[in-house]
Amino acid sequence: MATYITDDCISCGACEPECPNEAISEADDIYVIDASLCTECIGFHDEEACQANCPVDCCIPDPNKIETEAELFERAKEIHPDEGFGELDESTSRFRNDDHQLAEGEEPGARLAG
C-alpha cells in the first residue's frame, strides 16, 4: 500500500464507500486504510478513489510503502478472484496516465509493471 490517510482527515467519510476493496474504515478520530486490502484502485480506476473524493486531500502516497503496479494488481486479483481482470490500461491503472500523484522522491514510471 502506498496510500495512507493523514491526521488532517476531517472524518467526513467521503472516501469509505468509494474504495473497491473496502480497505477504508473509521477509526477513533480519522479514517484509516488497511494496507493488506489497498490496491491503489489498480484494476478498477484511473485514479485512487479515496484521493479523488477526499475534500481535504489527506489520502496521499506513503513514501515508506512503495509497491509496483504489478504487486498491486496481483493483490487486486487475490481480493477479487471472480472479477476477471483484463490487461491494465489508462482506464484501470493510474500508473498508465501522466497525471498520477507520486510519492516523495519517486521517479515517474518507476512502479510500472514490466
N, C-alpha and C. Protein backbone atom coordinates (compact mmCIF):
# COMPACT_ATOMS: atom_id res chain seq x y z
N MET A 1 0.84 -1.17 0.00
CA MET A 1 0.00 0.00 0.00
C MET A 1 0.88 1.23 0.00
N ALA A 2 0.63 2.07 -0.95
CA ALA A 2 1.38 3.32 -0.99
C ALA A 2 0.47 4.50 -0.70
N THR A 3 -0.66 4.27 -0.06
CA THR A 3 -1.58 5.35 0.27
C THR A 3 -1.94 5.26 1.75
N TYR A 4 -2.01 6.42 2.39
CA TYR A 4 -2.48 6.46 3.76
C TYR A 4 -3.27 7.73 3.97
N ILE A 5 -4.00 7.79 5.06
CA ILE A 5 -4.81 8.95 5.40
C ILE A 5 -4.11 9.70 6.53
N THR A 6 -3.85 10.97 6.30
CA THR A 6 -3.12 11.78 7.27
C THR A 6 -4.02 12.23 8.42
N ASP A 7 -3.40 12.82 9.42
CA ASP A 7 -4.14 13.35 10.57
C ASP A 7 -5.02 14.54 10.20
N ASP A 8 -4.89 15.04 8.98
CA ASP A 8 -5.73 16.14 8.51
C ASP A 8 -7.15 15.68 8.18
N CYS A 9 -7.39 14.37 8.25
CA CYS A 9 -8.72 13.81 7.96
C CYS A 9 -9.78 14.47 8.84
N ILE A 10 -10.89 14.87 8.22
CA ILE A 10 -11.99 15.51 8.96
C ILE A 10 -13.11 14.52 9.26
N SER A 11 -12.87 13.24 9.01
CA SER A 11 -13.84 12.16 9.28
C SER A 11 -15.18 12.38 8.59
N CYS A 12 -15.13 12.89 7.37
CA CYS A 12 -16.38 13.11 6.62
C CYS A 12 -16.92 11.82 6.03
N GLY A 13 -16.06 10.82 5.82
CA GLY A 13 -16.49 9.54 5.29
C GLY A 13 -16.63 9.48 3.79
N ALA A 14 -16.22 10.52 3.08
CA ALA A 14 -16.37 10.55 1.61
C ALA A 14 -15.58 9.44 0.94
N CYS A 15 -14.47 9.04 1.51
CA CYS A 15 -13.60 8.04 0.91
C CYS A 15 -14.11 6.61 1.06
N GLU A 16 -14.69 6.31 2.19
CA GLU A 16 -15.02 4.92 2.53
C GLU A 16 -15.88 4.20 1.50
N PRO A 17 -17.01 4.73 1.05
CA PRO A 17 -17.83 3.98 0.10
C PRO A 17 -17.24 3.90 -1.30
N GLU A 18 -16.21 4.69 -1.58
CA GLU A 18 -15.61 4.71 -2.91
C GLU A 18 -14.55 3.64 -3.12
N CYS A 19 -14.05 3.06 -2.04
CA CYS A 19 -12.98 2.07 -2.14
C CYS A 19 -13.52 0.74 -2.68
N PRO A 20 -12.99 0.25 -3.80
CA PRO A 20 -13.48 -1.01 -4.37
C PRO A 20 -13.10 -2.24 -3.54
N ASN A 21 -12.19 -2.08 -2.59
CA ASN A 21 -11.72 -3.20 -1.78
C ASN A 21 -12.20 -3.16 -0.34
N GLU A 22 -13.00 -2.16 0.00
CA GLU A 22 -13.45 -1.98 1.39
C GLU A 22 -12.26 -1.90 2.34
N ALA A 23 -11.20 -1.22 1.89
CA ALA A 23 -9.97 -1.10 2.69
C ALA A 23 -10.02 0.06 3.67
N ILE A 24 -11.02 0.92 3.56
CA ILE A 24 -11.09 2.11 4.40
C ILE A 24 -12.14 1.92 5.48
N SER A 25 -11.76 2.26 6.71
CA SER A 25 -12.71 2.15 7.82
C SER A 25 -12.51 3.32 8.78
N GLU A 26 -13.50 3.54 9.60
CA GLU A 26 -13.44 4.63 10.57
C GLU A 26 -12.71 4.16 11.82
N ALA A 27 -11.73 4.94 12.25
CA ALA A 27 -11.01 4.67 13.49
C ALA A 27 -11.52 5.66 14.54
N ASP A 28 -10.74 5.91 15.58
CA ASP A 28 -11.18 6.79 16.66
C ASP A 28 -11.48 8.21 16.18
N ASP A 29 -10.50 8.85 15.56
CA ASP A 29 -10.66 10.25 15.15
C ASP A 29 -10.64 10.46 13.65
N ILE A 30 -10.07 9.51 12.91
CA ILE A 30 -9.94 9.65 11.47
C ILE A 30 -10.25 8.31 10.80
N TYR A 31 -10.35 8.33 9.50
CA TYR A 31 -10.48 7.09 8.73
C TYR A 31 -9.08 6.53 8.49
N VAL A 32 -8.98 5.22 8.30
CA VAL A 32 -7.70 4.55 8.07
C VAL A 32 -7.83 3.60 6.89
N ILE A 33 -6.69 3.28 6.29
CA ILE A 33 -6.64 2.35 5.17
C ILE A 33 -5.92 1.08 5.62
N ASP A 34 -6.54 -0.07 5.40
CA ASP A 34 -5.95 -1.37 5.70
C ASP A 34 -4.96 -1.70 4.58
N ALA A 35 -3.68 -1.74 4.91
CA ALA A 35 -2.64 -1.96 3.91
C ALA A 35 -2.80 -3.28 3.17
N SER A 36 -3.35 -4.28 3.83
CA SER A 36 -3.49 -5.59 3.19
C SER A 36 -4.60 -5.62 2.15
N LEU A 37 -5.45 -4.59 2.13
CA LEU A 37 -6.55 -4.53 1.16
C LEU A 37 -6.40 -3.43 0.12
N CYS A 38 -5.50 -2.49 0.35
CA CYS A 38 -5.35 -1.37 -0.58
C CYS A 38 -4.59 -1.80 -1.82
N THR A 39 -5.16 -1.50 -2.98
CA THR A 39 -4.51 -1.77 -4.27
C THR A 39 -4.31 -0.48 -5.06
N GLU A 40 -4.50 0.66 -4.41
CA GLU A 40 -4.44 1.96 -5.08
C GLU A 40 -5.41 2.00 -6.26
N CYS A 41 -6.48 1.22 -6.18
CA CYS A 41 -7.54 1.13 -7.19
C CYS A 41 -7.07 0.56 -8.52
N ILE A 42 -5.89 -0.08 -8.55
CA ILE A 42 -5.40 -0.71 -9.77
C ILE A 42 -6.40 -1.79 -10.18
N GLY A 43 -6.76 -1.81 -11.45
CA GLY A 43 -7.73 -2.75 -11.97
C GLY A 43 -9.14 -2.21 -11.97
N PHE A 44 -9.37 -1.10 -11.27
CA PHE A 44 -10.71 -0.53 -11.17
C PHE A 44 -10.83 0.88 -11.74
N HIS A 45 -9.88 1.74 -11.41
CA HIS A 45 -10.00 3.15 -11.77
C HIS A 45 -8.68 3.70 -12.30
N ASP A 46 -8.78 4.84 -12.98
CA ASP A 46 -7.58 5.51 -13.48
C ASP A 46 -6.99 6.47 -12.46
N GLU A 47 -7.57 6.51 -11.27
CA GLU A 47 -7.07 7.31 -10.16
C GLU A 47 -7.51 6.63 -8.87
N GLU A 48 -6.87 6.99 -7.78
CA GLU A 48 -7.28 6.41 -6.50
C GLU A 48 -8.58 7.06 -6.07
N ALA A 49 -9.59 6.25 -5.83
CA ALA A 49 -10.92 6.78 -5.49
C ALA A 49 -10.90 7.58 -4.20
N CYS A 50 -10.11 7.16 -3.23
CA CYS A 50 -10.05 7.91 -1.97
C CYS A 50 -9.48 9.30 -2.20
N GLN A 51 -8.41 9.40 -2.98
CA GLN A 51 -7.82 10.71 -3.27
C GLN A 51 -8.80 11.58 -4.04
N ALA A 52 -9.48 11.00 -5.01
CA ALA A 52 -10.39 11.77 -5.86
C ALA A 52 -11.59 12.31 -5.09
N ASN A 53 -11.98 11.64 -4.02
CA ASN A 53 -13.17 12.03 -3.27
C ASN A 53 -12.90 12.74 -1.96
N CYS A 54 -11.66 12.84 -1.54
CA CYS A 54 -11.34 13.48 -0.27
C CYS A 54 -11.37 15.00 -0.42
N PRO A 55 -12.22 15.68 0.35
CA PRO A 55 -12.33 17.13 0.23
C PRO A 55 -11.15 17.90 0.83
N VAL A 56 -10.32 17.24 1.63
CA VAL A 56 -9.18 17.93 2.24
C VAL A 56 -7.83 17.34 1.79
N ASP A 57 -7.86 16.51 0.77
CA ASP A 57 -6.64 15.94 0.18
C ASP A 57 -5.73 15.28 1.20
N CYS A 58 -6.30 14.44 2.06
CA CYS A 58 -5.46 13.78 3.07
C CYS A 58 -5.18 12.31 2.75
N CYS A 59 -5.61 11.81 1.61
CA CYS A 59 -5.25 10.47 1.15
C CYS A 59 -4.05 10.64 0.23
N ILE A 60 -2.88 10.28 0.73
CA ILE A 60 -1.65 10.60 -0.01
C ILE A 60 -0.73 9.39 -0.11
N PRO A 61 0.19 9.41 -1.09
CA PRO A 61 1.16 8.33 -1.21
C PRO A 61 2.09 8.28 0.00
N ASP A 62 2.40 7.09 0.45
CA ASP A 62 3.30 6.90 1.58
C ASP A 62 4.68 6.52 1.03
N PRO A 63 5.67 7.39 1.18
CA PRO A 63 7.00 7.09 0.63
C PRO A 63 7.68 5.90 1.31
N ASN A 64 7.15 5.44 2.43
CA ASN A 64 7.73 4.30 3.13
C ASN A 64 7.11 2.97 2.71
N LYS A 65 6.08 3.00 1.88
CA LYS A 65 5.39 1.77 1.47
C LYS A 65 5.14 1.79 -0.04
N ILE A 66 6.22 1.82 -0.80
CA ILE A 66 6.12 1.86 -2.25
C ILE A 66 5.94 0.44 -2.79
N GLU A 67 4.93 0.26 -3.65
CA GLU A 67 4.70 -1.03 -4.30
C GLU A 67 4.57 -0.80 -5.79
N THR A 68 4.93 -1.81 -6.57
CA THR A 68 4.83 -1.69 -8.02
C THR A 68 3.39 -1.90 -8.47
N GLU A 69 3.13 -1.48 -9.69
CA GLU A 69 1.82 -1.72 -10.29
C GLU A 69 1.52 -3.22 -10.31
N ALA A 70 2.51 -4.04 -10.64
CA ALA A 70 2.32 -5.49 -10.71
C ALA A 70 1.94 -6.06 -9.34
N GLU A 71 2.59 -5.61 -8.28
CA GLU A 71 2.26 -6.09 -6.93
C GLU A 71 0.82 -5.71 -6.55
N LEU A 72 0.45 -4.48 -6.86
CA LEU A 72 -0.90 -4.02 -6.53
C LEU A 72 -1.96 -4.76 -7.35
N PHE A 73 -1.66 -5.03 -8.62
CA PHE A 73 -2.60 -5.75 -9.48
C PHE A 73 -2.76 -7.19 -9.00
N GLU A 74 -1.69 -7.83 -8.58
CA GLU A 74 -1.79 -9.19 -8.03
C GLU A 74 -2.66 -9.20 -6.78
N ARG A 75 -2.51 -8.20 -5.92
CA ARG A 75 -3.34 -8.12 -4.73
C ARG A 75 -4.81 -7.96 -5.11
N ALA A 76 -5.09 -7.12 -6.10
CA ALA A 76 -6.47 -6.93 -6.56
C ALA A 76 -7.06 -8.25 -7.03
N LYS A 77 -6.27 -9.04 -7.77
CA LYS A 77 -6.76 -10.33 -8.26
C LYS A 77 -7.00 -11.31 -7.11
N GLU A 78 -6.19 -11.24 -6.06
CA GLU A 78 -6.39 -12.10 -4.89
C GLU A 78 -7.64 -11.71 -4.11
N ILE A 79 -7.86 -10.40 -3.97
CA ILE A 79 -9.02 -9.91 -3.22
C ILE A 79 -10.32 -10.16 -3.98
N HIS A 80 -10.26 -10.07 -5.30
CA HIS A 80 -11.45 -10.22 -6.15
C HIS A 80 -11.23 -11.33 -7.18
N PRO A 81 -11.18 -12.61 -6.74
CA PRO A 81 -10.86 -13.70 -7.67
C PRO A 81 -11.89 -13.89 -8.78
N ASP A 82 -13.11 -13.43 -8.60
CA ASP A 82 -14.15 -13.60 -9.61
C ASP A 82 -14.30 -12.40 -10.53
N GLU A 83 -13.45 -11.40 -10.39
CA GLU A 83 -13.60 -10.16 -11.14
C GLU A 83 -13.26 -10.32 -12.62
N GLY A 84 -12.36 -11.22 -12.97
CA GLY A 84 -11.99 -11.41 -14.37
C GLY A 84 -11.26 -10.22 -14.96
N PHE A 85 -10.24 -9.76 -14.27
CA PHE A 85 -9.47 -8.61 -14.73
C PHE A 85 -8.82 -8.89 -16.08
N GLY A 86 -8.82 -7.91 -16.95
CA GLY A 86 -8.10 -7.99 -18.22
C GLY A 86 -6.74 -7.34 -18.07
N GLU A 87 -6.22 -6.88 -19.18
CA GLU A 87 -4.95 -6.16 -19.16
C GLU A 87 -5.15 -4.76 -18.60
N LEU A 88 -4.15 -4.24 -17.93
CA LEU A 88 -4.21 -2.88 -17.42
C LEU A 88 -4.02 -1.88 -18.55
N ASP A 89 -4.73 -0.76 -18.46
CA ASP A 89 -4.57 0.33 -19.41
C ASP A 89 -4.82 1.65 -18.69
N GLU A 90 -4.94 2.73 -19.43
CA GLU A 90 -5.12 4.05 -18.84
C GLU A 90 -6.38 4.17 -17.99
N SER A 91 -7.39 3.35 -18.28
CA SER A 91 -8.65 3.45 -17.53
C SER A 91 -8.66 2.61 -16.26
N THR A 92 -7.70 1.70 -16.11
CA THR A 92 -7.68 0.81 -14.95
C THR A 92 -6.39 0.87 -14.13
N SER A 93 -5.51 1.79 -14.49
CA SER A 93 -4.28 1.95 -13.71
C SER A 93 -3.78 3.38 -13.83
N ARG A 94 -3.67 4.03 -12.69
CA ARG A 94 -3.19 5.40 -12.69
C ARG A 94 -1.73 5.49 -13.13
N PHE A 95 -1.01 4.39 -13.06
CA PHE A 95 0.39 4.37 -13.49
C PHE A 95 0.51 4.50 -15.00
N ARG A 96 -0.59 4.27 -15.70
CA ARG A 96 -0.58 4.32 -17.15
C ARG A 96 -0.95 5.71 -17.69
N ASN A 97 -1.25 6.66 -16.80
CA ASN A 97 -1.51 8.02 -17.26
C ASN A 97 -0.51 8.97 -16.63
N ASP A 98 -0.35 10.11 -17.22
CA ASP A 98 0.73 11.03 -16.86
C ASP A 98 0.50 11.87 -15.61
N ASP A 99 -0.73 11.93 -15.12
CA ASP A 99 -1.01 12.87 -14.04
C ASP A 99 -1.23 12.23 -12.68
N HIS A 100 -0.70 11.01 -12.45
CA HIS A 100 -0.87 10.41 -11.12
C HIS A 100 0.10 11.04 -10.12
N GLN A 101 -0.32 11.01 -8.87
CA GLN A 101 0.47 11.61 -7.79
C GLN A 101 1.58 10.66 -7.38
N LEU A 102 2.79 11.17 -7.32
CA LEU A 102 3.95 10.38 -6.94
C LEU A 102 4.24 10.52 -5.46
N ALA A 103 4.82 9.48 -4.89
CA ALA A 103 5.32 9.58 -3.52
C ALA A 103 6.57 10.44 -3.54
N GLU A 104 6.91 11.00 -2.42
CA GLU A 104 8.09 11.86 -2.32
C GLU A 104 9.33 11.10 -2.79
N GLY A 105 10.05 11.67 -3.74
CA GLY A 105 11.27 11.06 -4.25
C GLY A 105 11.06 9.99 -5.31
N GLU A 106 9.82 9.66 -5.63
CA GLU A 106 9.54 8.61 -6.61
C GLU A 106 9.72 9.14 -8.03
N GLU A 107 10.34 8.34 -8.87
CA GLU A 107 10.55 8.71 -10.26
C GLU A 107 9.34 8.31 -11.10
N PRO A 108 8.92 9.14 -12.06
CA PRO A 108 7.81 8.77 -12.93
C PRO A 108 8.09 7.44 -13.63
N GLY A 109 7.09 6.57 -13.66
CA GLY A 109 7.22 5.28 -14.32
C GLY A 109 7.95 4.22 -13.53
N ALA A 110 8.48 4.56 -12.36
CA ALA A 110 9.28 3.61 -11.59
C ALA A 110 8.48 2.40 -11.12
N ARG A 111 7.19 2.55 -10.94
CA ARG A 111 6.40 1.45 -10.41
C ARG A 111 5.57 0.75 -11.48
N LEU A 112 5.77 1.08 -12.74
CA LEU A 112 5.02 0.44 -13.81
C LEU A 112 5.39 -1.03 -13.91
N ALA A 113 4.41 -1.86 -14.22
CA ALA A 113 4.68 -3.29 -14.42
C ALA A 113 5.50 -3.45 -15.69
N GLY A 114 6.42 -4.37 -15.66
CA GLY A 114 7.29 -4.57 -16.79
C GLY A 114 6.66 -5.35 -17.84
